[in-house]
């Protein structure tokens, strides 16, 4: 039951970004490789940071494998109207810094970025 609720909430967050209900989405990739590399701690840190900052317009979701197992944990940051950015080799401290710099400040944390704009948000 909790798994279905998580899927429902993740899809609602994706829909909100597509439809303008949120300004940003952070997707932490929780495939087997990501989970083994510590992605759950990255997701938890992102959720904690969003709660601490009382974000009402930022969705934090999870997905499966991002396809680059050796660079996990990974997360994709999407801000409405901007190309998505995939971040790699993350830790809880790095995702907090990414939230501060990219989500709050509007500047890509280039030293943690793998690629920008290679994904399409629909």
C-alpha atoms as a PDB file:
ATOM      1  CA  UNK A   1       0.000   0.000   0.000  1.00  0.00           C
ATOM      2  CA  UNK A   2       2.824   2.441   0.867  1.00  0.00           C
ATOM      3  CA  UNK A   3       4.480   1.631  -2.473  1.00  0.00           C
ATOM      4  CA  UNK A   4       1.338   2.569  -4.375  1.00  0.00           C
ATOM      5  CA  UNK A   5       1.042   5.800  -2.405  1.00  0.00           C
ATOM      6  CA  UNK A   6       4.644   6.655  -3.264  1.00  0.00           C
ATOM      7  CA  UNK A   7       3.997   6.005  -6.971  1.00  0.00           C
ATOM      8  CA  UNK A   8       0.805   8.107  -6.842  1.00  0.00           C
ATOM      9  CA  UNK A   9       2.631  10.983  -5.134  1.00  0.00           C
ATOM     10  CA  UNK A  10       5.530  10.834  -7.599  1.00  0.00           C
ATOM     11  CA  UNK A  11       3.161  10.948 -10.574  1.00  0.00           C
ATOM     12  CA  UNK A  12       1.222  13.847  -9.039  1.00  0.00           C
ATOM     13  CA  UNK A  13       4.510  15.748  -8.645  1.00  0.00           C
ATOM     14  CA  UNK A  14       5.490  15.068 -12.275  1.00  0.00           C
ATOM     15  CA  UNK A  15       2.073  16.219 -13.462  1.00  0.00           C
ATOM     16  CA  UNK A  16       2.290  19.394 -11.374  1.00  0.00           C
ATOM     17  CA  UNK A  17       5.620  20.351 -12.982  1.00  0.00           C
ATOM     18  CA  UNK A  18       4.260  19.688 -16.469  1.00  0.00           C
ATOM     19  CA  UNK A  19       1.113  21.670 -15.748  1.00  0.00           C
ATOM     20  CA  UNK A  20       2.768  24.545 -13.912  1.00  0.00           C
ATOM     21  CA  UNK A  21       1.850  23.489 -10.360  1.00  0.00           C
ATOM     22  CA  UNK A  22       5.479  23.487  -9.203  1.00  0.00           C
ATOM     23  CA  UNK A  23       8.477  25.451 -10.389  1.00  0.00           C
ATOM     24  CA  UNK A  24      11.037  22.682  -9.861  1.00  0.00           C
ATOM     25  CA  UNK A  25      11.455  18.945  -9.435  1.00  0.00           C
ATOM     26  CA  UNK A  26      14.361  16.967  -8.005  1.00  0.00           C
ATOM     27  CA  UNK A  27      14.393  13.322  -9.064  1.00  0.00           C
ATOM     28  CA  UNK A  28      16.739  11.063  -7.099  1.00  0.00           C
ATOM     29  CA  UNK A  29      17.493   7.875  -9.033  1.00  0.00           C
ATOM     30  CA  UNK A  30      16.893   4.843  -6.805  1.00  0.00           C
ATOM     31  CA  UNK A  31      17.702   1.898  -9.020  1.00  0.00           C
ATOM     32  CA  UNK A  32      19.557  -1.030  -7.456  1.00  0.00           C
ATOM     33  CA  UNK A  33      22.938   0.540  -8.191  1.00  0.00           C
ATOM     34  CA  UNK A  34      21.882   3.944  -6.861  1.00  0.00           C
ATOM     35  CA  UNK A  35      20.419   2.460  -3.712  1.00  0.00           C
ATOM     36  CA  UNK A  36      23.582   0.447  -3.108  1.00  0.00           C
ATOM     37  CA  UNK A  37      25.651   3.622  -3.586  1.00  0.00           C
ATOM     38  CA  UNK A  38      23.655   5.617  -1.011  1.00  0.00           C
ATOM     39  CA  UNK A  39      20.860   7.245  -3.019  1.00  0.00           C
ATOM     40  CA  UNK A  40      18.319   6.756  -0.229  1.00  0.00           C
ATOM     41  CA  UNK A  41      20.398   9.009   2.053  1.00  0.00           C
ATOM     42  CA  UNK A  42      20.542  11.584  -0.778  1.00  0.00           C
ATOM     43  CA  UNK A  43      16.755  11.420  -1.194  1.00  0.00           C
ATOM     44  CA  UNK A  44      16.239  11.753   2.558  1.00  0.00           C
ATOM     45  CA  UNK A  45      18.551  14.787   2.670  1.00  0.00           C
ATOM     46  CA  UNK A  46      16.701  16.434  -0.233  1.00  0.00           C
ATOM     47  CA  UNK A  47      13.350  15.895   1.478  1.00  0.00           C
ATOM     48  CA  UNK A  48      14.702  17.231   4.785  1.00  0.00           C
ATOM     49  CA  UNK A  49      16.150  20.312   3.071  1.00  0.00           C
ATOM     50  CA  UNK A  50      12.892  20.991   1.219  1.00  0.00           C
ATOM     51  CA  UNK A  51      10.978  20.733   4.502  1.00  0.00           C
ATOM     52  CA  UNK A  52      13.486  22.965   6.303  1.00  0.00           C
ATOM     53  CA  UNK A  53      13.102  25.612   3.614  1.00  0.00           C
ATOM     54  CA  UNK A  54       9.307  25.119   3.528  1.00  0.00           C
ATOM     55  CA  UNK A  55       9.299  24.752  -0.270  1.00  0.00           C
ATOM     56  CA  UNK A  56       5.731  24.699  -1.532  1.00  0.00           C
ATOM     57  CA  UNK A  57       6.719  24.719  -5.200  1.00  0.00           C
ATOM     58  CA  UNK A  58       9.477  22.086  -5.382  1.00  0.00           C
ATOM     59  CA  UNK A  59       8.669  18.394  -5.864  1.00  0.00           C
ATOM     60  CA  UNK A  60      11.079  15.735  -4.579  1.00  0.00           C
ATOM     61  CA  UNK A  61      10.542  12.378  -6.286  1.00  0.00           C
ATOM     62  CA  UNK A  62      12.398   9.153  -6.986  1.00  0.00           C
ATOM     63  CA  UNK A  63      12.812   7.051 -10.098  1.00  0.00           C
ATOM     64  CA  UNK A  64      14.665   3.972 -11.218  1.00  0.00           C
ATOM     65  CA  UNK A  65      18.158   3.654 -12.606  1.00  0.00           C
ATOM     66  CA  UNK A  66      19.623   6.619 -14.482  1.00  0.00           C
ATOM     67  CA  UNK A  67      21.813   4.307 -16.572  1.00  0.00           C
ATOM     68  CA  UNK A  68      25.276   5.241 -15.312  1.00  0.00           C
ATOM     69  CA  UNK A  69      25.873   2.898 -12.396  1.00  0.00           C
ATOM     70  CA  UNK A  70      29.443   4.045 -11.804  1.00  0.00           C
ATOM     71  CA  UNK A  71      28.301   7.652 -11.187  1.00  0.00           C
ATOM     72  CA  UNK A  72      25.561   6.899  -8.654  1.00  0.00           C
ATOM     73  CA  UNK A  73      24.015   8.296  -6.573  1.00  0.00           C
ATOM     74  CA  UNK A  74      22.511  10.586  -9.189  1.00  0.00           C
ATOM     75  CA  UNK A  75      19.708  13.148  -9.278  1.00  0.00           C
ATOM     76  CA  UNK A  76      18.088  15.218 -11.993  1.00  0.00           C
ATOM     77  CA  UNK A  77      17.053  18.800 -11.271  1.00  0.00           C
ATOM     78  CA  UNK A  78      14.358  20.293 -13.478  1.00  0.00           C
ATOM     79  CA  UNK A  79      13.302  23.911 -13.229  1.00  0.00           C
ATOM     80  CA  UNK A  80      10.363  24.978 -15.365  1.00  0.00           C
ATOM     81  CA  UNK A  81      11.548  26.621 -18.560  1.00  0.00           C
ATOM     82  CA  UNK A  82      15.172  25.479 -18.181  1.00  0.00           C
ATOM     83  CA  UNK A  83      17.041  22.390 -19.396  1.00  0.00           C
ATOM     84  CA  UNK A  84      17.204  19.566 -16.848  1.00  0.00           C
ATOM     85  CA  UNK A  85      20.552  18.955 -15.157  1.00  0.00           C
ATOM     86  CA  UNK A  86      21.769  15.509 -14.117  1.00  0.00           C
ATOM     87  CA  UNK A  87      24.056  15.496 -11.070  1.00  0.00           C
ATOM     88  CA  UNK A  88      26.392  12.603 -10.181  1.00  0.00           C
ATOM     89  CA  UNK A  89      28.455  11.137  -7.337  1.00  0.00           C
ATOM     90  CA  UNK A  90      26.117  12.688  -4.790  1.00  0.00           C
ATOM     91  CA  UNK A  91      26.155  12.726  -1.006  1.00  0.00           C
ATOM     92  CA  UNK A  92      23.627  14.261   1.378  1.00  0.00           C
ATOM     93  CA  UNK A  93      25.898  17.327   1.716  1.00  0.00           C
ATOM     94  CA  UNK A  94      26.171  17.728  -2.065  1.00  0.00           C
ATOM     95  CA  UNK A  95      22.398  17.556  -2.643  1.00  0.00           C
ATOM     96  CA  UNK A  96      21.901  20.235   0.022  1.00  0.00           C
ATOM     97  CA  UNK A  97      24.470  22.410  -1.762  1.00  0.00           C
ATOM     98  CA  UNK A  98      22.765  21.760  -5.115  1.00  0.00           C
ATOM     99  CA  UNK A  99      19.437  22.816  -3.632  1.00  0.00           C
ATOM    100  CA  UNK A 100      21.010  26.016  -2.294  1.00  0.00           C
ATOM    101  CA  UNK A 101      22.844  26.895  -5.483  1.00  0.00           C
ATOM    102  CA  UNK A 102      20.570  25.576  -8.236  1.00  0.00           C
ATOM    103  CA  UNK A 103      17.027  25.572  -6.841  1.00  0.00           C
ATOM    104  CA  UNK A 104      17.381  28.671  -4.640  1.00  0.00           C
ATOM    105  CA  UNK A 105      20.165  30.587  -6.386  1.00  0.00           C
ATOM    106  CA  UNK A 106      19.539  29.597 -10.000  1.00  0.00           C
ATOM    107  CA  UNK A 107      23.152  28.580 -10.690  1.00  0.00           C
ATOM    108  CA  UNK A 108      24.107  25.065 -11.787  1.00  0.00           C
ATOM    109  CA  UNK A 109      26.591  23.392  -9.431  1.00  0.00           C
ATOM    110  CA  UNK A 110      28.860  22.560 -12.373  1.00  0.00           C
ATOM    111  CA  UNK A 111      31.410  20.553 -10.391  1.00  0.00           C
ATOM    112  CA  UNK A 112      28.705  17.938  -9.631  1.00  0.00           C
ATOM    113  CA  UNK A 113      26.916  18.066 -13.001  1.00  0.00           C
ATOM    114  CA  UNK A 114      27.182  15.292 -15.539  1.00  0.00           C
ATOM    115  CA  UNK A 115      25.031  16.859 -18.263  1.00  0.00           C
ATOM    116  CA  UNK A 116      22.427  19.509 -18.908  1.00  0.00           C
ATOM    117  CA  UNK A 117      19.625  19.451 -21.432  1.00  0.00           C
ATOM    118  CA  UNK A 118      19.927  15.854 -22.594  1.00  0.00           C
ATOM    119  CA  UNK A 119      16.511  14.950 -21.275  1.00  0.00           C
ATOM    120  CA  UNK A 120      13.154  16.305 -22.298  1.00  0.00           C
ATOM    121  CA  UNK A 121      10.476  17.297 -19.822  1.00  0.00           C
ATOM    122  CA  UNK A 122       6.948  16.790 -21.151  1.00  0.00           C
END
